[in-house]
Amino acid sequence: MFLLAAALSIGFKAGAGYEWAHRAVLGLGVVALFAGAFVAWCITRSLARSAREADLISQRLDRLFKTFKASDS
């Protein structure tokens, strides 16, 4: 249904089926490529943020453990 609405909105003409279909497939391919790149970027950003937070937590714990070891001696 969406594809039909898109075809009518860009001026699809009878008899131009192959050419239009070819452009539509290429266009959808480009859209899918950008959507995939965006999803990959979001996942990478999320993992990097989690790794950064884990690093900060490990640094805090390291300082805490060093403080306790220094006071126990």
N, C-alpha and C. Protein backbone atom coordinates (compact mmCIF):
# COMPACT_ATOMS: atom_id res chain seq x y z
N MET A 1 0.81 -1.18 0.00
CA MET A 1 0.00 0.00 0.00
C MET A 1 0.86 1.26 0.00
N PHE A 2 1.92 1.25 0.84
CA PHE A 2 2.82 2.39 0.91
C PHE A 2 3.53 2.60 -0.41
N LEU A 3 3.94 1.51 -1.05
CA LEU A 3 4.64 1.61 -2.34
C LEU A 3 3.72 2.19 -3.40
N LEU A 4 2.45 1.81 -3.40
CA LEU A 4 1.49 2.35 -4.36
C LEU A 4 1.28 3.85 -4.12
N ALA A 5 1.18 4.25 -2.87
CA ALA A 5 1.02 5.67 -2.56
C ALA A 5 2.25 6.46 -2.99
N ALA A 6 3.43 5.88 -2.79
CA ALA A 6 4.66 6.54 -3.21
C ALA A 6 4.72 6.65 -4.73
N ALA A 7 4.29 5.60 -5.41
CA ALA A 7 4.30 5.61 -6.88
C ALA A 7 3.37 6.68 -7.42
N LEU A 8 2.22 6.79 -6.86
CA LEU A 8 1.26 7.79 -7.35
C LEU A 8 1.71 9.22 -7.00
N SER A 9 2.39 9.36 -5.88
CA SER A 9 2.80 10.70 -5.49
C SER A 9 3.95 11.24 -6.34
N ILE A 10 4.78 10.35 -6.89
CA ILE A 10 5.89 10.83 -7.71
C ILE A 10 5.55 10.81 -9.20
N GLY A 11 4.33 10.53 -9.52
CA GLY A 11 3.90 10.63 -10.91
C GLY A 11 4.13 9.38 -11.74
N PHE A 12 3.80 8.24 -11.21
CA PHE A 12 3.95 6.99 -11.96
C PHE A 12 3.04 7.01 -13.18
N LYS A 13 3.58 6.61 -14.32
CA LYS A 13 2.81 6.56 -15.55
C LYS A 13 2.75 5.12 -16.05
N ALA A 14 1.63 4.75 -16.62
CA ALA A 14 1.49 3.41 -17.18
C ALA A 14 2.49 3.25 -18.32
N GLY A 15 3.11 2.09 -18.41
CA GLY A 15 4.08 1.83 -19.45
C GLY A 15 5.50 2.12 -19.02
N ALA A 16 5.68 2.70 -17.89
CA ALA A 16 7.02 3.01 -17.40
C ALA A 16 7.37 2.05 -16.26
N GLY A 17 6.82 0.88 -16.28
CA GLY A 17 6.95 -0.07 -15.18
C GLY A 17 8.37 -0.48 -14.86
N TYR A 18 9.12 -0.95 -15.87
CA TYR A 18 10.47 -1.45 -15.60
C TYR A 18 11.38 -0.33 -15.10
N GLU A 19 11.34 0.79 -15.77
CA GLU A 19 12.21 1.91 -15.38
C GLU A 19 11.87 2.38 -13.97
N TRP A 20 10.57 2.50 -13.68
CA TRP A 20 10.15 2.95 -12.36
C TRP A 20 10.53 1.92 -11.30
N ALA A 21 10.31 0.65 -11.61
CA ALA A 21 10.63 -0.41 -10.65
C ALA A 21 12.13 -0.42 -10.37
N HIS A 22 12.92 -0.23 -11.41
CA HIS A 22 14.37 -0.21 -11.23
C HIS A 22 14.79 0.95 -10.31
N ARG A 23 14.24 2.13 -10.55
CA ARG A 23 14.55 3.27 -9.69
C ARG A 23 14.03 3.07 -8.27
N ALA A 24 12.86 2.46 -8.16
CA ALA A 24 12.28 2.22 -6.83
C ALA A 24 13.15 1.25 -6.03
N VAL A 25 13.62 0.20 -6.68
CA VAL A 25 14.47 -0.78 -5.99
C VAL A 25 15.80 -0.12 -5.59
N LEU A 26 16.37 0.67 -6.46
CA LEU A 26 17.61 1.36 -6.12
C LEU A 26 17.38 2.35 -4.98
N GLY A 27 16.29 3.07 -5.03
CA GLY A 27 15.98 4.01 -3.97
C GLY A 27 15.77 3.33 -2.63
N LEU A 28 15.03 2.23 -2.65
CA LEU A 28 14.81 1.49 -1.41
C LEU A 28 16.12 0.90 -0.89
N GLY A 29 16.98 0.48 -1.81
CA GLY A 29 18.29 -0.03 -1.41
C GLY A 29 19.12 1.03 -0.72
N VAL A 30 19.10 2.23 -1.25
CA VAL A 30 19.84 3.34 -0.64
C VAL A 30 19.26 3.67 0.73
N VAL A 31 17.94 3.70 0.82
CA VAL A 31 17.29 3.97 2.11
C VAL A 31 17.66 2.88 3.11
N ALA A 32 17.64 1.62 2.68
CA ALA A 32 18.00 0.52 3.58
C ALA A 32 19.46 0.61 4.01
N LEU A 33 20.32 1.03 3.11
CA LEU A 33 21.74 1.19 3.45
C LEU A 33 21.93 2.26 4.52
N PHE A 34 21.28 3.40 4.34
CA PHE A 34 21.38 4.46 5.35
C PHE A 34 20.74 4.05 6.67
N ALA A 35 19.62 3.34 6.60
CA ALA A 35 18.98 2.87 7.84
C ALA A 35 19.89 1.90 8.58
N GLY A 36 20.53 1.00 7.84
CA GLY A 36 21.46 0.05 8.46
C GLY A 36 22.66 0.75 9.08
N ALA A 37 23.19 1.75 8.38
CA ALA A 37 24.32 2.51 8.92
C ALA A 37 23.91 3.25 10.19
N PHE A 38 22.70 3.80 10.20
CA PHE A 38 22.22 4.51 11.39
C PHE A 38 22.06 3.56 12.57
N VAL A 39 21.50 2.38 12.33
CA VAL A 39 21.31 1.40 13.40
C VAL A 39 22.68 0.95 13.92
N ALA A 40 23.63 0.71 13.02
CA ALA A 40 24.97 0.30 13.44
C ALA A 40 25.63 1.40 14.28
N TRP A 41 25.45 2.66 13.87
CA TRP A 41 26.01 3.78 14.62
C TRP A 41 25.39 3.85 16.02
N CYS A 42 24.08 3.65 16.11
CA CYS A 42 23.40 3.68 17.42
C CYS A 42 23.91 2.57 18.33
N ILE A 43 24.08 1.37 17.79
CA ILE A 43 24.57 0.25 18.59
C ILE A 43 26.00 0.51 19.05
N THR A 44 26.84 0.98 18.13
CA THR A 44 28.23 1.27 18.48
C THR A 44 28.31 2.35 19.55
N ARG A 45 27.51 3.38 19.41
CA ARG A 45 27.49 4.46 20.40
C ARG A 45 27.06 3.95 21.77
N SER A 46 26.05 3.08 21.77
CA SER A 46 25.56 2.52 23.03
C SER A 46 26.64 1.67 23.70
N LEU A 47 27.34 0.86 22.92
CA LEU A 47 28.40 0.01 23.49
C LEU A 47 29.57 0.85 24.00
N ALA A 48 29.92 1.89 23.25
CA ALA A 48 31.02 2.74 23.68
C ALA A 48 30.67 3.48 24.97
N ARG A 49 29.45 3.93 25.07
CA ARG A 49 29.01 4.62 26.29
C ARG A 49 29.05 3.66 27.48
N SER A 50 28.60 2.43 27.28
CA SER A 50 28.62 1.44 28.36
C SER A 50 30.05 1.12 28.77
N ALA A 51 30.94 1.01 27.80
CA ALA A 51 32.34 0.72 28.11
C ALA A 51 32.97 1.89 28.87
N ARG A 52 32.65 3.10 28.49
CA ARG A 52 33.17 4.28 29.17
C ARG A 52 32.69 4.31 30.63
N GLU A 53 31.41 4.02 30.84
CA GLU A 53 30.87 4.00 32.20
C GLU A 53 31.51 2.89 33.03
N ALA A 54 31.74 1.74 32.42
CA ALA A 54 32.38 0.64 33.14
C ALA A 54 33.81 1.01 33.51
N ASP A 55 34.50 1.73 32.63
CA ASP A 55 35.85 2.17 32.93
C ASP A 55 35.86 3.14 34.11
N LEU A 56 34.93 4.08 34.14
CA LEU A 56 34.85 5.03 35.25
C LEU A 56 34.57 4.32 36.57
N ILE A 57 33.68 3.34 36.53
CA ILE A 57 33.35 2.58 37.75
C ILE A 57 34.57 1.80 38.23
N SER A 58 35.30 1.19 37.29
CA SER A 58 36.48 0.41 37.70
C SER A 58 37.56 1.33 38.28
N GLN A 59 37.69 2.55 37.74
CA GLN A 59 38.65 3.49 38.31
C GLN A 59 38.25 3.91 39.72
N ARG A 60 36.97 4.13 39.94
CA ARG A 60 36.50 4.49 41.29
C ARG A 60 36.74 3.36 42.28
N LEU A 61 36.44 2.13 41.84
CA LEU A 61 36.67 0.98 42.73
C LEU A 61 38.15 0.81 43.02
N ASP A 62 38.99 1.03 42.03
CA ASP A 62 40.42 0.90 42.22
C ASP A 62 40.91 1.91 43.27
N ARG A 63 40.45 3.16 43.17
CA ARG A 63 40.82 4.18 44.16
C ARG A 63 40.32 3.80 45.55
N LEU A 64 39.11 3.24 45.60
CA LEU A 64 38.54 2.84 46.89
C LEU A 64 39.36 1.72 47.52
N PHE A 65 39.72 0.71 46.72
CA PHE A 65 40.49 -0.41 47.25
C PHE A 65 41.90 0.03 47.66
N LYS A 66 42.48 0.95 46.92
CA LYS A 66 43.81 1.45 47.30
C LYS A 66 43.75 2.22 48.62
N THR A 67 42.67 2.94 48.82
CA THR A 67 42.49 3.68 50.06
C THR A 67 42.39 2.72 51.25
N PHE A 68 41.62 1.66 51.10
CA PHE A 68 41.46 0.69 52.18
C PHE A 68 42.75 -0.06 52.45
N LYS A 69 43.48 -0.41 51.39
CA LYS A 69 44.75 -1.11 51.59
C LYS A 69 45.76 -0.21 52.29
N ALA A 70 45.77 1.07 51.93
CA ALA A 70 46.70 1.99 52.56
C ALA A 70 46.39 2.18 54.03
N SER A 71 45.15 2.21 54.40
CA SER A 71 44.78 2.42 55.81
C SER A 71 44.92 1.15 56.61
N ASP A 72 44.87 -0.03 56.00
CA ASP A 72 45.02 -1.29 56.72
C ASP A 72 46.47 -1.57 57.10
N SER A 73 47.41 -1.03 56.35
CA SER A 73 48.83 -1.34 56.57
C SER A 73 49.34 -0.74 57.85
